[in-house]
């Protein structure tokens, strides 16, 4: 099972809200690098990254997480 993020939805929500990666990191208490890595598809990283993105953008994990078999 592989977990990845729907970056199109995330970047669209970021643009609509005028939110930056730095602001997402601060809101979620994670590093900017962790958020950047997740958005670049390098790795989702720690479990805290997804909730940080959701909190900052008002999305649910169901909105942004893609689970592939």
PDB file of N, CA and C in Angstrom:
ATOM      1  N   UNK A   1       0.841  -1.175   0.000  1.00  0.00           N
ATOM      2  CA  UNK A   1       0.000   0.000   0.000  1.00  0.00           C
ATOM      3  C   UNK A   1       0.890   1.243   0.000  1.00  0.00           C
ATOM      4  N   UNK A   2       0.591   2.149  -0.895  1.00  0.00           N
ATOM      5  CA  UNK A   2       1.360   3.377  -1.013  1.00  0.00           C
ATOM      6  C   UNK A   2       0.449   4.564  -0.726  1.00  0.00           C
ATOM      7  N   UNK A   3       0.945   5.495   0.073  1.00  0.00           N
ATOM      8  CA  UNK A   3       0.184   6.690   0.409  1.00  0.00           C
ATOM      9  C   UNK A   3       0.848   7.894  -0.246  1.00  0.00           C
ATOM     10  N   UNK A   4       0.041   8.683  -0.943  1.00  0.00           N
ATOM     11  CA  UNK A   4       0.556   9.920  -1.507  1.00  0.00           C
ATOM     12  C   UNK A   4      -0.499  10.994  -1.361  1.00  0.00           C
ATOM     13  N   UNK A   5      -0.088  12.219  -1.608  1.00  0.00           N
ATOM     14  CA  UNK A   5      -0.992  13.346  -1.461  1.00  0.00           C
ATOM     15  C   UNK A   5      -1.518  13.815  -2.809  1.00  0.00           C
ATOM     16  N   UNK A   6      -2.745  14.309  -2.806  1.00  0.00           N
ATOM     17  CA  UNK A   6      -3.334  14.902  -4.002  1.00  0.00           C
ATOM     18  C   UNK A   6      -2.856  16.357  -4.042  1.00  0.00           C
ATOM     19  N   UNK A   7      -1.684  16.541  -4.595  1.00  0.00           N
ATOM     20  CA  UNK A   7      -1.056  17.864  -4.576  1.00  0.00           C
ATOM     21  C   UNK A   7      -1.833  18.896  -5.378  1.00  0.00           C
ATOM     22  N   UNK A   8      -2.556  18.465  -6.395  1.00  0.00           N
ATOM     23  CA  UNK A   8      -3.368  19.419  -7.161  1.00  0.00           C
ATOM     24  C   UNK A   8      -4.406  20.074  -6.265  1.00  0.00           C
ATOM     25  N   UNK A   9      -5.084  19.281  -5.446  1.00  0.00           N
ATOM     26  CA  UNK A   9      -6.081  19.832  -4.520  1.00  0.00           C
ATOM     27  C   UNK A   9      -5.423  20.732  -3.482  1.00  0.00           C
ATOM     28  N   UNK A  10      -4.261  20.314  -3.007  1.00  0.00           N
ATOM     29  CA  UNK A  10      -3.574  21.093  -1.980  1.00  0.00           C
ATOM     30  C   UNK A  10      -3.121  22.435  -2.541  1.00  0.00           C
ATOM     31  N   UNK A  11      -2.474  22.419  -3.706  1.00  0.00           N
ATOM     32  CA  UNK A  11      -2.010  23.674  -4.293  1.00  0.00           C
ATOM     33  C   UNK A  11      -3.173  24.591  -4.659  1.00  0.00           C
ATOM     34  N   UNK A  12      -4.293  24.026  -5.093  1.00  0.00           N
ATOM     35  CA  UNK A  12      -5.475  24.829  -5.406  1.00  0.00           C
ATOM     36  C   UNK A  12      -6.007  25.498  -4.136  1.00  0.00           C
ATOM     37  N   UNK A  13      -6.098  24.730  -3.057  1.00  0.00           N
ATOM     38  CA  UNK A  13      -6.561  25.286  -1.785  1.00  0.00           C
ATOM     39  C   UNK A  13      -5.590  26.351  -1.268  1.00  0.00           C
ATOM     40  N   UNK A  14      -4.301  26.113  -1.440  1.00  0.00           N
ATOM     41  CA  UNK A  14      -3.299  27.111  -1.024  1.00  0.00           C
ATOM     42  C   UNK A  14      -3.491  28.412  -1.797  1.00  0.00           C
ATOM     43  N   UNK A  15      -3.714  28.300  -3.091  1.00  0.00           N
ATOM     44  CA  UNK A  15      -3.906  29.493  -3.921  1.00  0.00           C
ATOM     45  C   UNK A  15      -5.184  30.232  -3.532  1.00  0.00           C
ATOM     46  N   UNK A  16      -6.251  29.490  -3.288  1.00  0.00           N
ATOM     47  CA  UNK A  16      -7.521  30.109  -2.917  1.00  0.00           C
ATOM     48  C   UNK A  16      -7.429  30.847  -1.590  1.00  0.00           C
ATOM     49  N   UNK A  17      -6.671  30.292  -0.650  1.00  0.00           N
ATOM     50  CA  UNK A  17      -6.541  30.895   0.674  1.00  0.00           C
ATOM     51  C   UNK A  17      -5.342  31.826   0.794  1.00  0.00           C
ATOM     52  N   UNK A  18      -4.486  31.832  -0.208  1.00  0.00           N
ATOM     53  CA  UNK A  18      -3.287  32.654  -0.145  1.00  0.00           C
ATOM     54  C   UNK A  18      -2.311  32.170   0.915  1.00  0.00           C
ATOM     55  N   UNK A  19      -2.254  30.858   1.103  1.00  0.00           N
ATOM     56  CA  UNK A  19      -1.429  30.250   2.140  1.00  0.00           C
ATOM     57  C   UNK A  19      -0.114  29.744   1.552  1.00  0.00           C
ATOM     58  N   UNK A  20       0.963  29.893   2.310  1.00  0.00           N
ATOM     59  CA  UNK A  20       2.274  29.424   1.874  1.00  0.00           C
ATOM     60  C   UNK A  20       2.655  28.148   2.625  1.00  0.00           C
ATOM     61  N   UNK A  21       3.684  27.502   2.141  1.00  0.00           N
ATOM     62  CA  UNK A  21       4.212  26.311   2.808  1.00  0.00           C
ATOM     63  C   UNK A  21       4.656  26.662   4.228  1.00  0.00           C
ATOM     64  N   UNK A  22       5.269  27.806   4.388  1.00  0.00           N
ATOM     65  CA  UNK A  22       5.719  28.251   5.708  1.00  0.00           C
ATOM     66  C   UNK A  22       4.545  28.399   6.665  1.00  0.00           C
ATOM     67  N   UNK A  23       3.447  28.962   6.192  1.00  0.00           N
ATOM     68  CA  UNK A  23       2.269  29.139   7.040  1.00  0.00           C
ATOM     69  C   UNK A  23       1.642  27.796   7.411  1.00  0.00           C
ATOM     70  N   UNK A  24       1.639  26.857   6.481  1.00  0.00           N
ATOM     71  CA  UNK A  24       1.128  25.518   6.779  1.00  0.00           C
ATOM     72  C   UNK A  24       1.982  24.877   7.862  1.00  0.00           C
ATOM     73  N   UNK A  25       3.292  24.982   7.706  1.00  0.00           N
ATOM     74  CA  UNK A  25       4.213  24.392   8.686  1.00  0.00           C
ATOM     75  C   UNK A  25       3.998  24.989  10.072  1.00  0.00           C
ATOM     76  N   UNK A  26       3.895  26.308  10.144  1.00  0.00           N
ATOM     77  CA  UNK A  26       3.690  26.974  11.436  1.00  0.00           C
ATOM     78  C   UNK A  26       2.363  26.569  12.064  1.00  0.00           C
ATOM     79  N   UNK A  27       1.304  26.528  11.263  1.00  0.00           N
ATOM     80  CA  UNK A  27      -0.022  26.177  11.784  1.00  0.00           C
ATOM     81  C   UNK A  27      -0.063  24.755  12.323  1.00  0.00           C
ATOM     82  N   UNK A  28       0.691  23.876  11.707  1.00  0.00           N
ATOM     83  CA  UNK A  28       0.668  22.475  12.114  1.00  0.00           C
ATOM     84  C   UNK A  28       1.781  22.046  13.034  1.00  0.00           C
ATOM     85  N   UNK A  29       2.702  22.946  13.317  1.00  0.00           N
ATOM     86  CA  UNK A  29       3.801  22.610  14.216  1.00  0.00           C
ATOM     87  C   UNK A  29       4.792  21.627  13.628  1.00  0.00           C
ATOM     88  N   UNK A  30       4.972  21.699  12.303  1.00  0.00           N
ATOM     89  CA  UNK A  30       5.955  20.846  11.635  1.00  0.00           C
ATOM     90  C   UNK A  30       6.934  21.740  10.885  1.00  0.00           C
ATOM     91  N   UNK A  31       8.005  21.148  10.392  1.00  0.00           N
ATOM     92  CA  UNK A  31       8.996  21.947   9.685  1.00  0.00           C
ATOM     93  C   UNK A  31       8.540  22.263   8.271  1.00  0.00           C
ATOM     94  N   UNK A  32       9.056  23.361   7.764  1.00  0.00           N
ATOM     95  CA  UNK A  32       8.768  23.747   6.391  1.00  0.00           C
ATOM     96  C   UNK A  32       9.282  22.679   5.431  1.00  0.00           C
ATOM     97  N   UNK A  33      10.429  22.100   5.748  1.00  0.00           N
ATOM     98  CA  UNK A  33      11.014  21.054   4.903  1.00  0.00           C
ATOM     99  C   UNK A  33      10.118  19.818   4.844  1.00  0.00           C
ATOM    100  N   UNK A  34       9.491  19.466   5.962  1.00  0.00           N
ATOM    101  CA  UNK A  34       8.594  18.308   5.984  1.00  0.00           C
ATOM    102  C   UNK A  34       7.398  18.534   5.060  1.00  0.00           C
ATOM    103  N   UNK A  35       6.834  19.736   5.099  1.00  0.00           N
ATOM    104  CA  UNK A  35       5.710  20.062   4.224  1.00  0.00           C
ATOM    105  C   UNK A  35       6.161  20.067   2.767  1.00  0.00           C
ATOM    106  N   UNK A  36       7.302  20.683   2.500  1.00  0.00           N
ATOM    107  CA  UNK A  36       7.834  20.731   1.132  1.00  0.00           C
ATOM    108  C   UNK A  36       8.085  19.332   0.587  1.00  0.00           C
ATOM    109  N   UNK A  37       8.688  18.472   1.401  1.00  0.00           N
ATOM    110  CA  UNK A  37       8.943  17.093   0.971  1.00  0.00           C
ATOM    111  C   UNK A  37       7.639  16.381   0.614  1.00  0.00           C
ATOM    112  N   UNK A  38       6.626  16.554   1.435  1.00  0.00           N
ATOM    113  CA  UNK A  38       5.349  15.904   1.181  1.00  0.00           C
ATOM    114  C   UNK A  38       4.718  16.431  -0.107  1.00  0.00           C
ATOM    115  N   UNK A  39       4.770  17.732  -0.323  1.00  0.00           N
ATOM    116  CA  UNK A  39       4.165  18.316  -1.519  1.00  0.00           C
ATOM    117  C   UNK A  39       4.944  17.994  -2.787  1.00  0.00           C
ATOM    118  N   UNK A  40       6.231  17.781  -2.659  1.00  0.00           N
ATOM    119  CA  UNK A  40       7.049  17.441  -3.821  1.00  0.00           C
ATOM    120  C   UNK A  40       7.019  15.951  -4.136  1.00  0.00           C
ATOM    121  N   UNK A  41       6.307  15.189  -3.320  1.00  0.00           N
ATOM    122  CA  UNK A  41       6.186  13.765  -3.569  1.00  0.00           C
ATOM    123  C   UNK A  41       7.382  12.949  -3.125  1.00  0.00           C
ATOM    124  N   UNK A  42       8.326  13.601  -2.458  1.00  0.00           N
ATOM    125  CA  UNK A  42       9.505  12.881  -2.001  1.00  0.00           C
ATOM    126  C   UNK A  42       9.139  11.858  -0.931  1.00  0.00           C
ATOM    127  N   UNK A  43       8.280  12.278  -0.030  1.00  0.00           N
ATOM    128  CA  UNK A  43       7.771  11.385   1.011  1.00  0.00           C
ATOM    129  C   UNK A  43       6.724  12.142   1.804  1.00  0.00           C
ATOM    130  N   UNK A  44       5.762  11.411   2.294  1.00  0.00           N
ATOM    131  CA  UNK A  44       4.736  12.044   3.109  1.00  0.00           C
ATOM    132  C   UNK A  44       5.328  12.410   4.462  1.00  0.00           C
ATOM    133  N   UNK A  45       6.313  11.655   4.892  1.00  0.00           N
ATOM    134  CA  UNK A  45       7.012  12.008   6.123  1.00  0.00           C
ATOM    135  C   UNK A  45       6.249  11.621   7.368  1.00  0.00           C
ATOM    136  N   UNK A  46       6.484  12.389   8.381  1.00  0.00           N
ATOM    137  CA  UNK A  46       5.863  12.090   9.660  1.00  0.00           C
ATOM    138  C   UNK A  46       4.344  12.200   9.562  1.00  0.00           C
ATOM    139  N   UNK A  47       3.710  11.513  10.467  1.00  0.00           N
ATOM    140  CA  UNK A  47       2.254  11.486  10.503  1.00  0.00           C
ATOM    141  C   UNK A  47       1.668  12.885  10.699  1.00  0.00           C
ATOM    142  N   UNK A  48       2.412  13.792  11.285  1.00  0.00           N
ATOM    143  CA  UNK A  48       1.905  15.136  11.583  1.00  0.00           C
ATOM    144  C   UNK A  48       1.748  16.024  10.355  1.00  0.00           C
ATOM    145  N   UNK A  49       2.356  15.674   9.238  1.00  0.00           N
ATOM    146  CA  UNK A  49       2.317  16.543   8.058  1.00  0.00           C
ATOM    147  C   UNK A  49       0.903  16.636   7.484  1.00  0.00           C
ATOM    148  N   UNK A  50       0.220  15.521   7.358  1.00  0.00           N
ATOM    149  CA  UNK A  50      -1.133  15.540   6.788  1.00  0.00           C
ATOM    150  C   UNK A  50      -2.083  16.371   7.660  1.00  0.00           C
ATOM    151  N   UNK A  51      -2.124  16.159   8.975  1.00  0.00           N
ATOM    152  CA  UNK A  51      -2.993  17.016   9.796  1.00  0.00           C
ATOM    153  C   UNK A  51      -2.610  18.497   9.725  1.00  0.00           C
ATOM    154  N   UNK A  52      -1.330  18.782   9.579  1.00  0.00           N
ATOM    155  CA  UNK A  52      -0.898  20.182   9.477  1.00  0.00           C
ATOM    156  C   UNK A  52      -1.474  20.828   8.225  1.00  0.00           C
ATOM    157  N   UNK A  53      -1.405  20.107   7.120  1.00  0.00           N
ATOM    158  CA  UNK A  53      -1.949  20.624   5.860  1.00  0.00           C
ATOM    159  C   UNK A  53      -3.462  20.786   5.974  1.00  0.00           C
ATOM    160  N   UNK A  54      -4.118  19.790   6.537  1.00  0.00           N
ATOM    161  CA  UNK A  54      -5.572  19.848   6.691  1.00  0.00           C
ATOM    162  C   UNK A  54      -6.000  21.029   7.564  1.00  0.00           C
ATOM    163  N   UNK A  55      -5.315  21.204   8.668  1.00  0.00           N
ATOM    164  CA  UNK A  55      -5.653  22.287   9.596  1.00  0.00           C
ATOM    165  C   UNK A  55      -5.478  23.650   8.929  1.00  0.00           C
ATOM    166  N   UNK A  56      -4.385  23.838   8.251  1.00  0.00           N
ATOM    167  CA  UNK A  56      -4.093  25.137   7.643  1.00  0.00           C
ATOM    168  C   UNK A  56      -5.035  25.471   6.488  1.00  0.00           C
ATOM    169  N   UNK A  57      -5.495  24.439   5.784  1.00  0.00           N
ATOM    170  CA  UNK A  57      -6.303  24.683   4.587  1.00  0.00           C
ATOM    171  C   UNK A  57      -7.788  24.378   4.770  1.00  0.00           C
ATOM    172  N   UNK A  58      -8.168  23.878   5.930  1.00  0.00           N
ATOM    173  CA  UNK A  58      -9.567  23.560   6.172  1.00  0.00           C
ATOM    174  C   UNK A  58     -10.052  22.367   5.363  1.00  0.00           C
ATOM    175  N   UNK A  59      -9.173  21.406   5.161  1.00  0.00           N
ATOM    176  CA  UNK A  59      -9.503  20.200   4.406  1.00  0.00           C
ATOM    177  C   UNK A  59      -9.480  18.998   5.336  1.00  0.00           C
ATOM    178  N   UNK A  60     -10.058  17.892   4.883  1.00  0.00           N
ATOM    179  CA  UNK A  60      -9.957  16.652   5.647  1.00  0.00           C
ATOM    180  C   UNK A  60      -8.915  15.760   4.989  1.00  0.00           C
ATOM    181  N   UNK A  61      -8.457  14.775   5.717  1.00  0.00           N
ATOM    182  CA  UNK A  61      -7.481  13.837   5.162  1.00  0.00           C
ATOM    183  C   UNK A  61      -8.073  13.105   3.965  1.00  0.00           C
ATOM    184  N   UNK A  62      -9.381  12.842   3.986  1.00  0.00           N
ATOM    185  CA  UNK A  62     -10.038  12.193   2.845  1.00  0.00           C
ATOM    186  C   UNK A  62      -9.923  13.038   1.580  1.00  0.00           C
ATOM    187  N   UNK A  63      -9.820  14.352   1.739  1.00  0.00           N
ATOM    188  CA  UNK A  63      -9.712  15.258   0.602  1.00  0.00           C
ATOM    189  C   UNK A  63      -8.345  15.189  -0.067  1.00  0.00           C
ATOM    190  N   UNK A  64      -7.299  14.907   0.711  1.00  0.00           N
ATOM    191  CA  UNK A  64      -5.948  15.066   0.166  1.00  0.00           C
ATOM    192  C   UNK A  64      -5.091  13.809   0.134  1.00  0.00           C
ATOM    193  N   UNK A  65      -5.517  12.728   0.784  1.00  0.00           N
ATOM    194  CA  UNK A  65      -4.709  11.504   0.818  1.00  0.00           C
ATOM    195  C   UNK A  65      -5.216  10.507  -0.220  1.00  0.00           C
ATOM    196  N   UNK A  66      -4.296   9.983  -0.999  1.00  0.00           N
ATOM    197  CA  UNK A  66      -4.599   8.952  -1.990  1.00  0.00           C
ATOM    198  C   UNK A  66      -3.886   7.687  -1.543  1.00  0.00           C
ATOM    199  N   UNK A  67      -4.635   6.600  -1.410  1.00  0.00           N
ATOM    200  CA  UNK A  67      -4.057   5.321  -1.020  1.00  0.00           C
ATOM    201  C   UNK A  67      -4.116   4.393  -2.227  1.00  0.00           C
ATOM    202  N   UNK A  68      -2.940   3.932  -2.634  1.00  0.00           N
ATOM    203  CA  UNK A  68      -2.847   3.023  -3.762  1.00  0.00           C
ATOM    204  C   UNK A  68      -2.434   1.644  -3.265  1.00  0.00           C
ATOM    205  N   UNK A  69      -2.965   0.614  -3.902  1.00  0.00           N
ATOM    206  CA  UNK A  69      -2.597  -0.760  -3.528  1.00  0.00           C
ATOM    207  C   UNK A  69      -1.260  -1.138  -4.088  1.00  0.00           C
TER     208      UNK A  69
END
